[in-house]
Each structure stands twice: as structure tokens, then as C-alpha cells.
Amino acid sequence: MAKLVLNTTTDLLKVPAGAGIKLHDGRTGKVEENMGDGQWLNVLFDDDDMELVHSQDIAEVHEPE
């Protein structure tokens, strides 16, 4: 899996459904939906919880498998 490190120039509008996400708190999950506003992603976490995640909370984005 290719690793894309999120930084201030990463365009969240280009993050597709199915992409892997790692948050600064260590949780990981998969993007279920990109809200299309450049700030929020709907993420299904490994423990089956789904929540909206703000761009500031994202440490890494991985391309979909």
C-alpha cells in the first residue's frame, strides 16, 4: 500500500472512498465517503465505529487497495 503523508498541501477533495486513514491519536480506518468540502471525511474505523473526521485530525492517507 502506498503511503501518502498528509501535510498542508494535501487536497482532501482528492481522497477517494476506500482510502486508508490514520489519525494523530493512532486510530485507523477506511474512508466511506468524502463529503466534498475539503474538510470532512466519513470514516469507518477498525472497531466498526463510523464518524466524521476533520482534516486536522488526519496524520496519514493511504491509497485504496
N, C-alpha and C. Protein backbone atom coordinates (compact mmCIF):
# COMPACT_ATOMS: atom_id res chain seq x y z
N MET A 1 0.85 -1.17 0.00
CA MET A 1 0.00 0.00 0.00
C MET A 1 0.90 1.23 0.00
N ALA A 2 0.67 2.13 -0.94
CA ALA A 2 1.44 3.36 -0.99
C ALA A 2 1.00 4.29 0.12
N LYS A 3 1.95 4.92 0.76
CA LYS A 3 1.65 5.82 1.88
C LYS A 3 1.77 7.26 1.41
N LEU A 4 0.75 8.02 1.65
CA LEU A 4 0.77 9.44 1.37
C LEU A 4 0.74 10.16 2.70
N VAL A 5 1.73 10.93 3.02
CA VAL A 5 1.74 11.65 4.28
C VAL A 5 0.98 12.94 4.10
N LEU A 6 -0.01 13.14 4.94
CA LEU A 6 -0.85 14.34 4.85
C LEU A 6 -0.05 15.54 5.34
N ASN A 7 -0.12 16.60 4.59
CA ASN A 7 0.51 17.85 5.01
C ASN A 7 -0.37 19.01 4.58
N THR A 8 0.10 20.21 4.74
CA THR A 8 -0.74 21.38 4.46
C THR A 8 -1.09 21.54 2.99
N THR A 9 -0.39 20.82 2.11
CA THR A 9 -0.69 20.94 0.68
C THR A 9 -1.54 19.79 0.15
N THR A 10 -1.86 18.80 1.00
CA THR A 10 -2.68 17.68 0.56
C THR A 10 -4.11 18.14 0.31
N ASP A 11 -4.65 17.78 -0.83
CA ASP A 11 -6.00 18.17 -1.21
C ASP A 11 -6.98 17.08 -0.81
N LEU A 12 -7.75 17.30 0.26
CA LEU A 12 -8.70 16.30 0.73
C LEU A 12 -9.80 16.04 -0.29
N LEU A 13 -10.03 16.95 -1.20
CA LEU A 13 -11.04 16.72 -2.23
C LEU A 13 -10.67 15.54 -3.11
N LYS A 14 -9.39 15.18 -3.15
CA LYS A 14 -8.92 14.08 -3.99
C LYS A 14 -8.86 12.74 -3.26
N VAL A 15 -9.21 12.70 -1.98
CA VAL A 15 -9.17 11.44 -1.23
C VAL A 15 -10.40 10.62 -1.60
N PRO A 16 -10.19 9.44 -2.21
CA PRO A 16 -11.33 8.64 -2.66
C PRO A 16 -11.90 7.74 -1.56
N ALA A 17 -13.13 7.31 -1.75
CA ALA A 17 -13.70 6.28 -0.88
C ALA A 17 -12.82 5.05 -0.98
N GLY A 18 -12.61 4.38 0.13
CA GLY A 18 -11.76 3.21 0.17
C GLY A 18 -10.34 3.49 0.62
N ALA A 19 -9.97 4.77 0.68
CA ALA A 19 -8.62 5.13 1.12
C ALA A 19 -8.48 4.81 2.60
N GLY A 20 -7.28 4.42 3.00
CA GLY A 20 -6.99 4.16 4.41
C GLY A 20 -6.61 5.46 5.10
N ILE A 21 -7.00 5.58 6.35
CA ILE A 21 -6.76 6.81 7.14
C ILE A 21 -6.15 6.42 8.47
N LYS A 22 -5.14 7.18 8.88
CA LYS A 22 -4.61 7.05 10.24
C LYS A 22 -4.70 8.42 10.88
N LEU A 23 -5.27 8.46 12.08
CA LEU A 23 -5.41 9.73 12.80
C LEU A 23 -4.22 9.97 13.71
N HIS A 24 -4.08 11.19 14.17
CA HIS A 24 -3.00 11.55 15.09
C HIS A 24 -3.09 10.75 16.40
N ASP A 25 -4.30 10.32 16.78
CA ASP A 25 -4.45 9.54 18.02
C ASP A 25 -4.17 8.05 17.82
N GLY A 26 -3.78 7.66 16.59
CA GLY A 26 -3.39 6.29 16.32
C GLY A 26 -4.49 5.41 15.73
N ARG A 27 -5.75 5.85 15.77
CA ARG A 27 -6.82 5.04 15.20
C ARG A 27 -6.69 4.96 13.69
N THR A 28 -7.12 3.84 13.12
CA THR A 28 -7.08 3.66 11.68
C THR A 28 -8.45 3.23 11.17
N GLY A 29 -8.70 3.54 9.91
CA GLY A 29 -9.97 3.17 9.31
C GLY A 29 -9.95 3.37 7.81
N LYS A 30 -11.14 3.30 7.22
CA LYS A 30 -11.30 3.40 5.78
C LYS A 30 -12.32 4.48 5.46
N VAL A 31 -12.02 5.30 4.47
CA VAL A 31 -12.95 6.35 4.05
C VAL A 31 -14.17 5.71 3.39
N GLU A 32 -15.33 5.99 3.93
CA GLU A 32 -16.58 5.52 3.35
C GLU A 32 -17.14 6.55 2.38
N GLU A 33 -16.95 7.83 2.72
CA GLU A 33 -17.47 8.91 1.87
C GLU A 33 -16.64 10.17 2.07
N ASN A 34 -16.31 10.80 0.97
CA ASN A 34 -15.67 12.11 1.01
C ASN A 34 -16.80 13.13 0.91
N MET A 35 -16.91 14.01 1.90
CA MET A 35 -18.03 14.95 1.94
C MET A 35 -17.93 16.02 0.85
N GLY A 36 -16.77 16.13 0.21
CA GLY A 36 -16.62 17.04 -0.92
C GLY A 36 -16.44 18.50 -0.55
N ASP A 37 -16.13 18.77 0.72
CA ASP A 37 -15.94 20.16 1.15
C ASP A 37 -14.48 20.48 1.46
N GLY A 38 -13.60 19.48 1.31
CA GLY A 38 -12.19 19.69 1.58
C GLY A 38 -11.82 19.67 3.05
N GLN A 39 -12.78 19.35 3.92
CA GLN A 39 -12.52 19.37 5.37
C GLN A 39 -12.91 18.08 6.07
N TRP A 40 -13.96 17.40 5.62
CA TRP A 40 -14.52 16.27 6.35
C TRP A 40 -14.54 15.01 5.52
N LEU A 41 -14.23 13.87 6.18
CA LEU A 41 -14.35 12.55 5.59
C LEU A 41 -15.16 11.68 6.53
N ASN A 42 -16.05 10.88 5.98
CA ASN A 42 -16.81 9.91 6.77
C ASN A 42 -15.98 8.64 6.80
N VAL A 43 -15.54 8.22 7.99
CA VAL A 43 -14.58 7.12 8.14
C VAL A 43 -15.18 5.99 8.96
N LEU A 44 -15.02 4.76 8.44
CA LEU A 44 -15.37 3.55 9.19
C LEU A 44 -14.08 3.04 9.83
N PHE A 45 -14.04 3.06 11.16
CA PHE A 45 -12.84 2.66 11.88
C PHE A 45 -12.79 1.15 12.05
N ASP A 46 -11.61 0.63 12.38
CA ASP A 46 -11.39 -0.80 12.51
C ASP A 46 -12.29 -1.45 13.56
N ASP A 47 -12.79 -0.68 14.52
CA ASP A 47 -13.68 -1.23 15.55
C ASP A 47 -15.16 -1.09 15.15
N ASP A 48 -15.42 -0.82 13.86
CA ASP A 48 -16.76 -0.71 13.27
C ASP A 48 -17.53 0.54 13.69
N ASP A 49 -16.86 1.51 14.31
CA ASP A 49 -17.49 2.81 14.57
C ASP A 49 -17.31 3.68 13.34
N MET A 50 -18.36 4.43 12.98
CA MET A 50 -18.26 5.35 11.86
C MET A 50 -18.44 6.77 12.40
N GLU A 51 -17.59 7.68 11.92
CA GLU A 51 -17.72 9.07 12.33
C GLU A 51 -17.12 10.00 11.29
N LEU A 52 -17.54 11.24 11.36
CA LEU A 52 -16.94 12.27 10.52
C LEU A 52 -15.60 12.67 11.12
N VAL A 53 -14.60 12.76 10.27
CA VAL A 53 -13.25 13.11 10.71
C VAL A 53 -12.84 14.40 10.02
N HIS A 54 -12.35 15.35 10.81
CA HIS A 54 -11.90 16.63 10.27
C HIS A 54 -10.46 16.50 9.78
N SER A 55 -10.12 17.28 8.80
CA SER A 55 -8.79 17.23 8.18
C SER A 55 -7.67 17.42 9.20
N GLN A 56 -7.88 18.21 10.23
CA GLN A 56 -6.83 18.46 11.23
C GLN A 56 -6.49 17.22 12.05
N ASP A 57 -7.38 16.24 12.07
CA ASP A 57 -7.16 15.03 12.87
C ASP A 57 -6.41 13.94 12.10
N ILE A 58 -6.21 14.12 10.79
CA ILE A 58 -5.64 13.09 9.93
C ILE A 58 -4.11 13.20 9.88
N ALA A 59 -3.45 12.07 10.19
CA ALA A 59 -1.99 12.02 10.14
C ALA A 59 -1.50 11.44 8.82
N GLU A 60 -2.21 10.42 8.29
CA GLU A 60 -1.80 9.75 7.06
C GLU A 60 -3.01 9.38 6.22
N VAL A 61 -2.81 9.37 4.93
CA VAL A 61 -3.81 8.88 3.97
C VAL A 61 -3.12 7.84 3.10
N HIS A 62 -3.74 6.67 2.96
CA HIS A 62 -3.19 5.60 2.14
C HIS A 62 -4.11 5.36 0.95
N GLU A 63 -3.53 5.13 -0.22
CA GLU A 63 -4.31 4.85 -1.40
C GLU A 63 -5.15 3.61 -1.19
N PRO A 64 -6.34 3.53 -1.83
CA PRO A 64 -7.18 2.32 -1.70
C PRO A 64 -6.44 1.10 -2.24
N GLU A 65 -6.76 -0.05 -1.68
CA GLU A 65 -6.13 -1.29 -2.14
C GLU A 65 -6.74 -1.76 -3.43
